[in-house]
Amino acid sequence: MNQESNQTSTKDLSNRIKSGTWLVMFAAEWSSPCMRQAEILDAIEDSLREMGLRTAQLSSEVFPELAISWNILAYPTILILREGRVKCRLIGVQSAEAIWKAVDRINKKSN
């Protein structure tokens, strides 16, 4: 999955997320559930891109301001954002099917 680098500033990342549709996973690097979720997202990243989503995996330790502003309390947490606004929050390890269904619901609402 497209992991934002530690060199990306919170402000820059916040500005990029304000346009388009994003799937952002907040993770803790030490968490085995986060590692499992990352594997699932890696496997479906191409299909998510085809559905019009940009993806990012963020460490809450690297981007604590974003984790706080989006009220991230558990890991992994997946946010689906459109134009910078949270449209869906998925907490815990999610199957590929659950993620596709959430994205599909959001895409149908916007049409």
PDB file of N, CA and C in Angstrom:
ATOM      1  N   MET A   1       0.839  -1.171   0.000  1.00  0.00           N
ATOM      2  CA  MET A   1       0.000   0.000   0.000  1.00  0.00           C
ATOM      3  C   MET A   1       0.885   1.235   0.000  1.00  0.00           C
ATOM      4  N   ASN A   2       0.419   2.264  -0.626  1.00  0.00           N
ATOM      5  CA  ASN A   2       1.146   3.514  -0.710  1.00  0.00           C
ATOM      6  C   ASN A   2       1.301   4.111   0.684  1.00  0.00           C
ATOM      7  N   GLN A   3       2.467   3.970   1.245  1.00  0.00           N
ATOM      8  CA  GLN A   3       2.699   4.517   2.569  1.00  0.00           C
ATOM      9  C   GLN A   3       3.295   5.903   2.439  1.00  0.00           C
ATOM     10  N   GLU A   4       2.671   6.845   3.125  1.00  0.00           N
ATOM     11  CA  GLU A   4       3.208   8.201   3.123  1.00  0.00           C
ATOM     12  C   GLU A   4       4.526   8.195   3.886  1.00  0.00           C
ATOM     13  N   SER A   5       5.505   8.896   3.375  1.00  0.00           N
ATOM     14  CA  SER A   5       6.826   8.875   4.005  1.00  0.00           C
ATOM     15  C   SER A   5       6.846   9.767   5.238  1.00  0.00           C
ATOM     16  N   ASN A   6       7.822   9.517   6.067  1.00  0.00           N
ATOM     17  CA  ASN A   6       7.994  10.326   7.271  1.00  0.00           C
ATOM     18  C   ASN A   6       8.355  11.767   6.916  1.00  0.00           C
ATOM     19  N   GLN A   7       8.809  12.007   5.673  1.00  0.00           N
ATOM     20  CA  GLN A   7       9.192  13.348   5.276  1.00  0.00           C
ATOM     21  C   GLN A   7       7.975  14.196   4.896  1.00  0.00           C
ATOM     22  N   THR A   8       6.832  13.562   4.690  1.00  0.00           N
ATOM     23  CA  THR A   8       5.622  14.300   4.354  1.00  0.00           C
ATOM     24  C   THR A   8       5.124  15.008   5.596  1.00  0.00           C
ATOM     25  N   SER A   9       4.877  16.289   5.474  1.00  0.00           N
ATOM     26  CA  SER A   9       4.377  17.023   6.636  1.00  0.00           C
ATOM     27  C   SER A   9       2.881  16.791   6.799  1.00  0.00           C
ATOM     28  N   THR A  10       2.410  16.971   8.008  1.00  0.00           N
ATOM     29  CA  THR A  10       0.981  16.836   8.288  1.00  0.00           C
ATOM     30  C   THR A  10       0.188  17.823   7.445  1.00  0.00           C
ATOM     31  N   LYS A  11       0.689  19.033   7.310  1.00  0.00           N
ATOM     32  CA  LYS A  11      -0.006  20.058   6.526  1.00  0.00           C
ATOM     33  C   LYS A  11      -0.097  19.651   5.057  1.00  0.00           C
ATOM     34  N   ASP A  12       1.006  19.163   4.492  1.00  0.00           N
ATOM     35  CA  ASP A  12       1.013  18.732   3.090  1.00  0.00           C
ATOM     36  C   ASP A  12       0.036  17.581   2.875  1.00  0.00           C
ATOM     37  N   LEU A  13       0.082  16.612   3.759  1.00  0.00           N
ATOM     38  CA  LEU A  13      -0.816  15.472   3.647  1.00  0.00           C
ATOM     39  C   LEU A  13      -2.269  15.914   3.779  1.00  0.00           C
ATOM     40  N   SER A  14      -2.558  16.778   4.731  1.00  0.00           N
ATOM     41  CA  SER A  14      -3.918  17.290   4.907  1.00  0.00           C
ATOM     42  C   SER A  14      -4.411  17.995   3.659  1.00  0.00           C
ATOM     43  N   ASN A  15      -3.535  18.747   3.015  1.00  0.00           N
ATOM     44  CA  ASN A  15      -3.917  19.444   1.785  1.00  0.00           C
ATOM     45  C   ASN A  15      -4.202  18.475   0.647  1.00  0.00           C
ATOM     46  N   ARG A  16      -3.387  17.422   0.514  1.00  0.00           N
ATOM     47  CA  ARG A  16      -3.618  16.449  -0.553  1.00  0.00           C
ATOM     48  C   ARG A  16      -4.920  15.685  -0.350  1.00  0.00           C
ATOM     49  N   ILE A  17      -5.239  15.363   0.885  1.00  0.00           N
ATOM     50  CA  ILE A  17      -6.442  14.586   1.183  1.00  0.00           C
ATOM     51  C   ILE A  17      -7.710  15.400   0.942  1.00  0.00           C
ATOM     52  N   LYS A  18      -7.591  16.710   0.860  1.00  0.00           N
ATOM     53  CA  LYS A  18      -8.771  17.561   0.652  1.00  0.00           C
ATOM     54  C   LYS A  18      -9.377  17.421  -0.731  1.00  0.00           C
ATOM     55  N   SER A  19      -8.659  16.794  -1.656  1.00  0.00           N
ATOM     56  CA  SER A  19      -9.233  16.622  -2.995  1.00  0.00           C
ATOM     57  C   SER A  19      -9.280  15.149  -3.343  1.00  0.00           C
ATOM     58  N   GLY A  20     -10.362  14.745  -3.955  1.00  0.00           N
ATOM     59  CA  GLY A  20     -10.520  13.362  -4.372  1.00  0.00           C
ATOM     60  C   GLY A  20     -11.032  12.472  -3.259  1.00  0.00           C
ATOM     61  N   THR A  21     -10.998  11.181  -3.540  1.00  0.00           N
ATOM     62  CA  THR A  21     -11.443  10.176  -2.584  1.00  0.00           C
ATOM     63  C   THR A  21     -10.239   9.377  -2.136  1.00  0.00           C
ATOM     64  N   TRP A  22     -10.108   9.229  -0.838  1.00  0.00           N
ATOM     65  CA  TRP A  22      -8.965   8.569  -0.234  1.00  0.00           C
ATOM     66  C   TRP A  22      -9.405   7.449   0.691  1.00  0.00           C
ATOM     67  N   LEU A  23      -8.647   6.387   0.718  1.00  0.00           N
ATOM     68  CA  LEU A  23      -8.751   5.369   1.746  1.00  0.00           C
ATOM     69  C   LEU A  23      -7.475   5.497   2.565  1.00  0.00           C
ATOM     70  N   VAL A  24      -7.635   5.862   3.824  1.00  0.00           N
ATOM     71  CA  VAL A  24      -6.495   6.079   4.700  1.00  0.00           C
ATOM     72  C   VAL A  24      -6.580   5.090   5.854  1.00  0.00           C
ATOM     73  N   MET A  25      -5.526   4.318   6.027  1.00  0.00           N
ATOM     74  CA  MET A  25      -5.471   3.408   7.165  1.00  0.00           C
ATOM     75  C   MET A  25      -4.506   3.962   8.195  1.00  0.00           C
ATOM     76  N   PHE A  26      -5.016   4.155   9.403  1.00  0.00           N
ATOM     77  CA  PHE A  26      -4.165   4.516  10.524  1.00  0.00           C
ATOM     78  C   PHE A  26      -3.746   3.234  11.208  1.00  0.00           C
ATOM     79  N   ALA A  27      -2.449   3.107  11.439  1.00  0.00           N
ATOM     80  CA  ALA A  27      -1.924   1.869  11.989  1.00  0.00           C
ATOM     81  C   ALA A  27      -0.849   2.164  13.026  1.00  0.00           C
ATOM     82  N   ALA A  28      -0.592   1.161  13.809  1.00  0.00           N
ATOM     83  CA  ALA A  28       0.550   1.174  14.713  1.00  0.00           C
ATOM     84  C   ALA A  28       1.516   0.112  14.176  1.00  0.00           C
ATOM     85  N   GLU A  29       2.741   0.504  13.975  1.00  0.00           N
ATOM     86  CA  GLU A  29       3.714  -0.387  13.351  1.00  0.00           C
ATOM     87  C   GLU A  29       3.928  -1.678  14.139  1.00  0.00           C
ATOM     88  N   TRP A  30       3.690  -1.676  15.426  1.00  0.00           N
ATOM     89  CA  TRP A  30       3.918  -2.833  16.282  1.00  0.00           C
ATOM     90  C   TRP A  30       2.708  -3.766  16.350  1.00  0.00           C
ATOM     91  N   SER A  31       1.609  -3.403  15.721  1.00  0.00           N
ATOM     92  CA  SER A  31       0.348  -4.134  15.854  1.00  0.00           C
ATOM     93  C   SER A  31       0.206  -5.234  14.802  1.00  0.00           C
ATOM     94  N   SER A  32       0.033  -6.477  15.246  1.00  0.00           N
ATOM     95  CA  SER A  32      -0.158  -7.565  14.280  1.00  0.00           C
ATOM     96  C   SER A  32      -1.480  -7.436  13.517  1.00  0.00           C
ATOM     97  N   PRO A  33      -2.590  -6.973  14.122  1.00  0.00           N
ATOM     98  CA  PRO A  33      -3.792  -6.745  13.308  1.00  0.00           C
ATOM     99  C   PRO A  33      -3.550  -5.701  12.199  1.00  0.00           C
ATOM    100  N   CYS A  34      -2.750  -4.688  12.494  1.00  0.00           N
ATOM    101  CA  CYS A  34      -2.438  -3.686  11.463  1.00  0.00           C
ATOM    102  C   CYS A  34      -1.631  -4.310  10.328  1.00  0.00           C
ATOM    103  N   MET A  35      -0.738  -5.214  10.671  1.00  0.00           N
ATOM    104  CA  MET A  35       0.042  -5.896   9.639  1.00  0.00           C
ATOM    105  C   MET A  35      -0.864  -6.745   8.755  1.00  0.00           C
ATOM    106  N   ARG A  36      -1.843  -7.426   9.363  1.00  0.00           N
ATOM    107  CA  ARG A  36      -2.791  -8.228   8.573  1.00  0.00           C
ATOM    108  C   ARG A  36      -3.621  -7.324   7.672  1.00  0.00           C
ATOM    109  N   GLN A  37      -4.082  -6.182   8.215  1.00  0.00           N
ATOM    110  CA  GLN A  37      -4.879  -5.267   7.410  1.00  0.00           C
ATOM    111  C   GLN A  37      -4.065  -4.710   6.255  1.00  0.00           C
ATOM    112  N   ALA A  38      -2.806  -4.400   6.500  1.00  0.00           N
ATOM    113  CA  ALA A  38      -1.936  -3.881   5.434  1.00  0.00           C
ATOM    114  C   ALA A  38      -1.793  -4.903   4.309  1.00  0.00           C
ATOM    115  N   GLU A  39      -1.679  -6.180   4.652  1.00  0.00           N
ATOM    116  CA  GLU A  39      -1.586  -7.229   3.631  1.00  0.00           C
ATOM    117  C   GLU A  39      -2.852  -7.276   2.779  1.00  0.00           C
ATOM    118  N   ILE A  40      -4.006  -7.151   3.419  1.00  0.00           N
ATOM    119  CA  ILE A  40      -5.282  -7.160   2.685  1.00  0.00           C
ATOM    120  C   ILE A  40      -5.350  -5.952   1.755  1.00  0.00           C
ATOM    121  N   LEU A  41      -4.991  -4.787   2.265  1.00  0.00           N
ATOM    122  CA  LEU A  41      -5.045  -3.578   1.435  1.00  0.00           C
ATOM    123  C   LEU A  41      -4.041  -3.646   0.284  1.00  0.00           C
ATOM    124  N   ASP A  42      -2.864  -4.208   0.539  1.00  0.00           N
ATOM    125  CA  ASP A  42      -1.885  -4.373  -0.541  1.00  0.00           C
ATOM    126  C   ASP A  42      -2.465  -5.234  -1.663  1.00  0.00           C
ATOM    127  N   ALA A  43      -3.199  -6.270  -1.283  1.00  0.00           N
ATOM    128  CA  ALA A  43      -3.753  -7.197  -2.274  1.00  0.00           C
ATOM    129  C   ALA A  43      -4.837  -6.549  -3.135  1.00  0.00           C
ATOM    130  N   ILE A  44      -5.524  -5.547  -2.612  1.00  0.00           N
ATOM    131  CA  ILE A  44      -6.636  -4.941  -3.364  1.00  0.00           C
ATOM    132  C   ILE A  44      -6.349  -3.508  -3.810  1.00  0.00           C
ATOM    133  N   GLU A  45      -5.132  -3.046  -3.611  1.00  0.00           N
ATOM    134  CA  GLU A  45      -4.810  -1.651  -3.932  1.00  0.00           C
ATOM    135  C   GLU A  45      -5.112  -1.297  -5.392  1.00  0.00           C
ATOM    136  N   ASP A  46      -4.775  -2.177  -6.326  1.00  0.00           N
ATOM    137  CA  ASP A  46      -5.029  -1.877  -7.739  1.00  0.00           C
ATOM    138  C   ASP A  46      -6.526  -1.709  -8.006  1.00  0.00           C
ATOM    139  N   SER A  47      -7.346  -2.578  -7.429  1.00  0.00           N
ATOM    140  CA  SER A  47      -8.789  -2.452  -7.663  1.00  0.00           C
ATOM    141  C   SER A  47      -9.347  -1.207  -6.987  1.00  0.00           C
ATOM    142  N   LEU A  48      -8.794  -0.809  -5.851  1.00  0.00           N
ATOM    143  CA  LEU A  48      -9.229   0.438  -5.209  1.00  0.00           C
ATOM    144  C   LEU A  48      -8.898   1.630  -6.099  1.00  0.00           C
ATOM    145  N   ARG A  49      -7.713   1.597  -6.689  1.00  0.00           N
ATOM    146  CA  ARG A  49      -7.314   2.672  -7.599  1.00  0.00           C
ATOM    147  C   ARG A  49      -8.258   2.741  -8.799  1.00  0.00           C
ATOM    148  N   GLU A  50      -8.643   1.569  -9.314  1.00  0.00           N
ATOM    149  CA  GLU A  50      -9.598   1.526 -10.432  1.00  0.00           C
ATOM    150  C   GLU A  50     -10.955   2.098 -10.029  1.00  0.00           C
ATOM    151  N   MET A  51     -11.291   2.006  -8.750  1.00  0.00           N
ATOM    152  CA  MET A  51     -12.548   2.558  -8.242  1.00  0.00           C
ATOM    153  C   MET A  51     -12.427   4.059  -7.953  1.00  0.00           C
ATOM    154  N   GLY A  52     -11.245   4.627  -8.209  1.00  0.00           N
ATOM    155  CA  GLY A  52     -11.054   6.065  -8.057  1.00  0.00           C
ATOM    156  C   GLY A  52     -10.487   6.507  -6.726  1.00  0.00           C
ATOM    157  N   LEU A  53      -9.970   5.585  -5.934  1.00  0.00           N
ATOM    158  CA  LEU A  53      -9.424   5.950  -4.631  1.00  0.00           C
ATOM    159  C   LEU A  53      -7.915   6.063  -4.669  1.00  0.00           C
ATOM    160  N   ARG A  54      -7.427   7.031  -3.926  1.00  0.00           N
ATOM    161  CA  ARG A  54      -6.008   7.094  -3.612  1.00  0.00           C
ATOM    162  C   ARG A  54      -5.879   6.454  -2.240  1.00  0.00           C
ATOM    163  N   THR A  55      -4.740   5.868  -1.954  1.00  0.00           N
ATOM    164  CA  THR A  55      -4.580   5.172  -0.693  1.00  0.00           C
ATOM    165  C   THR A  55      -3.361   5.668   0.066  1.00  0.00           C
ATOM    166  N   ALA A  56      -3.447   5.577   1.379  1.00  0.00           N
ATOM    167  CA  ALA A  56      -2.312   5.918   2.237  1.00  0.00           C
ATOM    168  C   ALA A  56      -2.411   5.112   3.513  1.00  0.00           C
ATOM    169  N   GLN A  57      -1.273   4.663   3.978  1.00  0.00           N
ATOM    170  CA  GLN A  57      -1.192   4.014   5.273  1.00  0.00           C
ATOM    171  C   GLN A  57      -0.370   4.927   6.158  1.00  0.00           C
ATOM    172  N   LEU A  58      -0.941   5.349   7.262  1.00  0.00           N
ATOM    173  CA  LEU A  58      -0.284   6.319   8.129  1.00  0.00           C
ATOM    174  C   LEU A  58      -0.031   5.722   9.502  1.00  0.00           C
ATOM    175  N   SER A  59       1.130   5.989  10.008  1.00  0.00           N
ATOM    176  CA  SER A  59       1.441   5.626  11.379  1.00  0.00           C
ATOM    177  C   SER A  59       0.935   6.742  12.280  1.00  0.00           C
ATOM    178  N   SER A  60       0.171   6.366  13.270  1.00  0.00           N
ATOM    179  CA  SER A  60      -0.309   7.368  14.224  1.00  0.00           C
ATOM    180  C   SER A  60       0.833   7.959  15.030  1.00  0.00           C
ATOM    181  N   GLU A  61       1.964   7.262  15.053  1.00  0.00           N
ATOM    182  CA  GLU A  61       3.131   7.797  15.744  1.00  0.00           C
ATOM    183  C   GLU A  61       3.820   8.880  14.911  1.00  0.00           C
ATOM    184  N   VAL A  62       3.718   8.783  13.593  1.00  0.00           N
ATOM    185  CA  VAL A  62       4.331   9.769  12.706  1.00  0.00           C
ATOM    186  C   VAL A  62       3.377  10.950  12.479  1.00  0.00           C
ATOM    187  N   PHE A  63       2.078  10.670  12.434  1.00  0.00           N
ATOM    188  CA  PHE A  63       1.068  11.702  12.178  1.00  0.00           C
ATOM    189  C   PHE A  63       0.087  11.798  13.344  1.00  0.00           C
ATOM    190  N   PRO A  64       0.573  12.113  14.552  1.00  0.00           N
ATOM    191  CA  PRO A  64      -0.339  12.147  15.706  1.00  0.00           C
ATOM    192  C   PRO A  64      -1.420  13.216  15.599  1.00  0.00           C
ATOM    193  N   GLU A  65      -1.104  14.339  14.945  1.00  0.00           N
ATOM    194  CA  GLU A  65      -2.105  15.408  14.823  1.00  0.00           C
ATOM    195  C   GLU A  65      -3.316  14.942  14.017  1.00  0.00           C
ATOM    196  N   LEU A  66      -3.053  14.197  12.932  1.00  0.00           N
ATOM    197  CA  LEU A  66      -4.159  13.680  12.123  1.00  0.00           C
ATOM    198  C   LEU A  66      -4.941  12.624  12.892  1.00  0.00           C
ATOM    199  N   ALA A  67      -4.235  11.766  13.612  1.00  0.00           N
ATOM    200  CA  ALA A  67      -4.926  10.742  14.407  1.00  0.00           C
ATOM    201  C   ALA A  67      -5.835  11.391  15.445  1.00  0.00           C
ATOM    202  N   ILE A  68      -5.365  12.436  16.070  1.00  0.00           N
ATOM    203  CA  ILE A  68      -6.179  13.143  17.065  1.00  0.00           C
ATOM    204  C   ILE A  68      -7.341  13.853  16.393  1.00  0.00           C
ATOM    205  N   SER A  69      -7.078  14.542  15.296  1.00  0.00           N
ATOM    206  CA  SER A  69      -8.156  15.319  14.648  1.00  0.00           C
ATOM    207  C   SER A  69      -9.251  14.420  14.097  1.00  0.00           C
ATOM    208  N   TRP A  70      -8.911  13.179  13.714  1.00  0.00           N
ATOM    209  CA  TRP A  70      -9.920  12.257  13.201  1.00  0.00           C
ATOM    210  C   TRP A  70     -10.370  11.249  14.258  1.00  0.00           C
ATOM    211  N   ASN A  71      -9.977  11.498  15.503  1.00  0.00           N
ATOM    212  CA  ASN A  71     -10.446  10.703  16.631  1.00  0.00           C
ATOM    213  C   ASN A  71     -10.140   9.207  16.457  1.00  0.00           C
ATOM    214  N   ILE A  72      -8.905   8.911  16.115  1.00  0.00           N
ATOM    215  CA  ILE A  72      -8.481   7.522  15.953  1.00  0.00           C
ATOM    216  C   ILE A  72      -8.183   6.957  17.339  1.00  0.00           C
ATOM    217  N   LEU A  73      -8.972   5.970  17.742  1.00  0.00           N
ATOM    218  CA  LEU A  73      -8.847   5.400  19.079  1.00  0.00           C
ATOM    219  C   LEU A  73      -8.418   3.936  19.069  1.00  0.00           C
ATOM    220  N   ALA A  74      -8.450   3.291  17.902  1.00  0.00           N
ATOM    221  CA  ALA A  74      -8.112   1.877  17.800  1.00  0.00           C
ATOM    222  C   ALA A  74      -7.348   1.640  16.501  1.00  0.00           C
ATOM    223  N   TYR A  75      -6.566   0.561  16.488  1.00  0.00           N
ATOM    224  CA  TYR A  75      -5.776   0.230  15.315  1.00  0.00           C
ATOM    225  C   TYR A  75      -6.089  -1.189  14.877  1.00  0.00           C
ATOM    226  N   PRO A  76      -6.220  -1.428  13.598  1.00  0.00           N
ATOM    227  CA  PRO A  76      -6.236  -0.450  12.510  1.00  0.00           C
ATOM    228  C   PRO A  76      -7.592   0.246  12.408  1.00  0.00           C
ATOM    229  N   THR A  77      -7.569   1.472  11.924  1.00  0.00           N
ATOM    230  CA  THR A  77      -8.781   2.209  11.575  1.00  0.00           C
ATOM    231  C   THR A  77      -8.621   2.672  10.140  1.00  0.00           C
ATOM    232  N   ILE A  78      -9.637   2.361   9.334  1.00  0.00           N
ATOM    233  CA  ILE A  78      -9.649   2.799   7.943  1.00  0.00           C
ATOM    234  C   ILE A  78     -10.676   3.918   7.825  1.00  0.00           C
ATOM    235  N   LEU A  79     -10.251   5.018   7.240  1.00  0.00           N
ATOM    236  CA  LEU A  79     -11.160   6.115   6.925  1.00  0.00           C
ATOM    237  C   LEU A  79     -11.276   6.204   5.413  1.00  0.00           C
ATOM    238  N   ILE A  80     -12.493   6.372   4.942  1.00  0.00           N
ATOM    239  CA  ILE A  80     -12.693   6.689   3.530  1.00  0.00           C
ATOM    240  C   ILE A  80     -13.158   8.125   3.506  1.00  0.00           C
ATOM    241  N   LEU A  81     -12.375   8.953   2.824  1.00  0.00           N
ATOM    242  CA  LEU A  81     -12.626  10.388   2.798  1.00  0.00           C
ATOM    243  C   LEU A  81     -12.934  10.845   1.390  1.00  0.00           C
ATOM    244  N   ARG A  82     -13.830  11.778   1.289  1.00  0.00           N
ATOM    245  CA  ARG A  82     -14.101  12.434   0.011  1.00  0.00           C
ATOM    246  C   ARG A  82     -13.985  13.927   0.249  1.00  0.00           C
ATOM    247  N   GLU A  83     -13.128  14.553  -0.541  1.00  0.00           N
ATOM    248  CA  GLU A  83     -12.870  15.996  -0.435  1.00  0.00           C
ATOM    249  C   GLU A  83     -12.537  16.392   1.003  1.00  0.00           C
ATOM    250  N   GLY A  84     -11.761  15.539   1.679  1.00  0.00           N
ATOM    251  CA  GLY A  84     -11.290  15.834   3.025  1.00  0.00           C
ATOM    252  C   GLY A  84     -12.251  15.505   4.145  1.00  0.00           C
ATOM    253  N   ARG A  85     -13.444  15.023   3.803  1.00  0.00           N
ATOM    254  CA  ARG A  85     -14.447  14.710   4.827  1.00  0.00           C
ATOM    255  C   ARG A  85     -14.598  13.202   4.991  1.00  0.00           C
ATOM    256  N   VAL A  86     -14.658  12.762   6.232  1.00  0.00           N
ATOM    257  CA  VAL A  86     -14.801  11.342   6.516  1.00  0.00           C
ATOM    258  C   VAL A  86     -16.200  10.894   6.112  1.00  0.00           C
ATOM    259  N   LYS A  87     -16.252   9.913   5.209  1.00  0.00           N
ATOM    260  CA  LYS A  87     -17.522   9.355   4.750  1.00  0.00           C
ATOM    261  C   LYS A  87     -17.785   7.991   5.355  1.00  0.00           C
ATOM    262  N   CYS A  88     -16.716   7.320   5.801  1.00  0.00           N
ATOM    263  CA  CYS A  88     -16.861   5.979   6.372  1.00  0.00           C
ATOM    264  C   CYS A  88     -15.684   5.717   7.288  1.00  0.00           C
ATOM    265  N   ARG A  89     -15.971   5.048   8.397  1.00  0.00           N
ATOM    266  CA  ARG A  89     -14.935   4.652   9.354  1.00  0.00           C
ATOM    267  C   ARG A  89     -15.081   3.154   9.599  1.00  0.00           C
ATOM    268  N   LEU A  90     -14.011   2.406   9.361  1.00  0.00           N
ATOM    269  CA  LEU A  90     -13.993   0.965   9.585  1.00  0.00           C
ATOM    270  C   LEU A  90     -12.935   0.680  10.638  1.00  0.00           C
ATOM    271  N   ILE A  91     -13.338   0.058  11.727  1.00  0.00           N
ATOM    272  CA  ILE A  91     -12.426  -0.182  12.844  1.00  0.00           C
ATOM    273  C   ILE A  91     -12.157  -1.679  12.956  1.00  0.00           C
ATOM    274  N   GLY A  92     -10.893  -2.021  13.122  1.00  0.00           N
ATOM    275  CA  GLY A  92     -10.496  -3.417  13.206  1.00  0.00           C
ATOM    276  C   GLY A  92     -10.163  -3.956  11.833  1.00  0.00           C
ATOM    277  N   VAL A  93      -9.693  -5.182  11.800  1.00  0.00           N
ATOM    278  CA  VAL A  93      -9.303  -5.803  10.531  1.00  0.00           C
ATOM    279  C   VAL A  93     -10.552  -6.033   9.688  1.00  0.00           C
ATOM    280  N   GLN A  94     -10.519  -5.539   8.449  1.00  0.00           N
ATOM    281  CA  GLN A  94     -11.646  -5.638   7.517  1.00  0.00           C
ATOM    282  C   GLN A  94     -11.264  -6.520   6.337  1.00  0.00           C
ATOM    283  N   SER A  95     -12.207  -7.314   5.891  1.00  0.00           N
ATOM    284  CA  SER A  95     -11.969  -8.135   4.701  1.00  0.00           C
ATOM    285  C   SER A  95     -11.984  -7.245   3.461  1.00  0.00           C
ATOM    286  N   ALA A  96     -11.442  -7.770   2.378  1.00  0.00           N
ATOM    287  CA  ALA A  96     -11.481  -7.041   1.105  1.00  0.00           C
ATOM    288  C   ALA A  96     -12.927  -6.756   0.719  1.00  0.00           C
ATOM    289  N   GLU A  97     -13.806  -7.730   0.928  1.00  0.00           N
ATOM    290  CA  GLU A  97     -15.225  -7.559   0.573  1.00  0.00           C
ATOM    291  C   GLU A  97     -15.867  -6.427   1.358  1.00  0.00           C
ATOM    292  N   ALA A  98     -15.567  -6.335   2.642  1.00  0.00           N
ATOM    293  CA  ALA A  98     -16.142  -5.266   3.469  1.00  0.00           C
ATOM    294  C   ALA A  98     -15.660  -3.898   2.996  1.00  0.00           C
ATOM    295  N   ILE A  99     -14.410  -3.818   2.607  1.00  0.00           N
ATOM    296  CA  ILE A  99     -13.861  -2.544   2.122  1.00  0.00           C
ATOM    297  C   ILE A  99     -14.508  -2.165   0.800  1.00  0.00           C
ATOM    298  N   TRP A 100     -14.621  -3.138  -0.126  1.00  0.00           N
ATOM    299  CA  TRP A 100     -15.256  -2.850  -1.421  1.00  0.00           C
ATOM    300  C   TRP A 100     -16.700  -2.394  -1.228  1.00  0.00           C
ATOM    301  N   LYS A 101     -17.438  -3.035  -0.331  1.00  0.00           N
ATOM    302  CA  LYS A 101     -18.831  -2.638  -0.084  1.00  0.00           C
ATOM    303  C   LYS A 101     -18.909  -1.217   0.443  1.00  0.00           C
ATOM    304  N   ALA A 102     -18.023  -0.862   1.345  1.00  0.00           N
ATOM    305  CA  ALA A 102     -18.015   0.511   1.895  1.00  0.00           C
ATOM    306  C   ALA A 102     -17.714   1.530   0.801  1.00  0.00           C
ATOM    307  N   VAL A 103     -16.740   1.235  -0.035  1.00  0.00           N
ATOM    308  CA  VAL A 103     -16.387   2.133  -1.136  1.00  0.00           C
ATOM    309  C   VAL A 103     -17.552   2.247  -2.113  1.00  0.00           C
ATOM    310  N   ASP A 104     -18.168   1.129  -2.427  1.00  0.00           N
ATOM    311  CA  ASP A 104     -19.296   1.130  -3.344  1.00  0.00           C
ATOM    312  C   ASP A 104     -20.455   1.973  -2.808  1.00  0.00           C
ATOM    313  N   ARG A 105     -20.749   1.849  -1.520  1.00  0.00           N
ATOM    314  CA  ARG A 105     -21.819   2.672  -0.904  1.00  0.00           C
ATOM    315  C   ARG A 105     -21.516   4.160  -1.043  1.00  0.00           C
ATOM    316  N   ILE A 106     -20.282   4.520  -0.789  1.00  0.00           N
ATOM    317  CA  ILE A 106     -19.888   5.927  -0.865  1.00  0.00           C
ATOM    318  C   ILE A 106     -19.966   6.420  -2.302  1.00  0.00           C
ATOM    319  N   ASN A 107     -19.516   5.609  -3.248  1.00  0.00           N
ATOM    320  CA  ASN A 107     -19.584   6.005  -4.657  1.00  0.00           C
ATOM    321  C   ASN A 107     -21.019   6.162  -5.124  1.00  0.00           C
ATOM    322  N   LYS A 108     -21.909   5.294  -4.659  1.00  0.00           N
ATOM    323  CA  LYS A 108     -23.330   5.396  -5.055  1.00  0.00           C
ATOM    324  C   LYS A 108     -23.973   6.643  -4.464  1.00  0.00           C
ATOM    325  N   LYS A 109     -23.607   7.017  -3.248  1.00  0.00           N
ATOM    326  CA  LYS A 109     -24.169   8.211  -2.613  1.00  0.00           C
ATOM    327  C   LYS A 109     -23.767   9.484  -3.338  1.00  0.00           C
ATOM    328  N   SER A 110     -22.559   9.470  -3.926  1.00  0.00           N
ATOM    329  CA  SER A 110     -22.067  10.694  -4.573  1.00  0.00           C
ATOM    330  C   SER A 110     -22.614  10.876  -5.981  1.00  0.00           C
ATOM    331  N   ASN A 111     -23.219   9.833  -6.534  1.00  0.00           N
ATOM    332  CA  ASN A 111     -23.746   9.936  -7.907  1.00  0.00           C
ATOM    333  C   ASN A 111     -25.173  10.397  -7.928  1.00  0.00           C
TER     334      ASN A 111
END
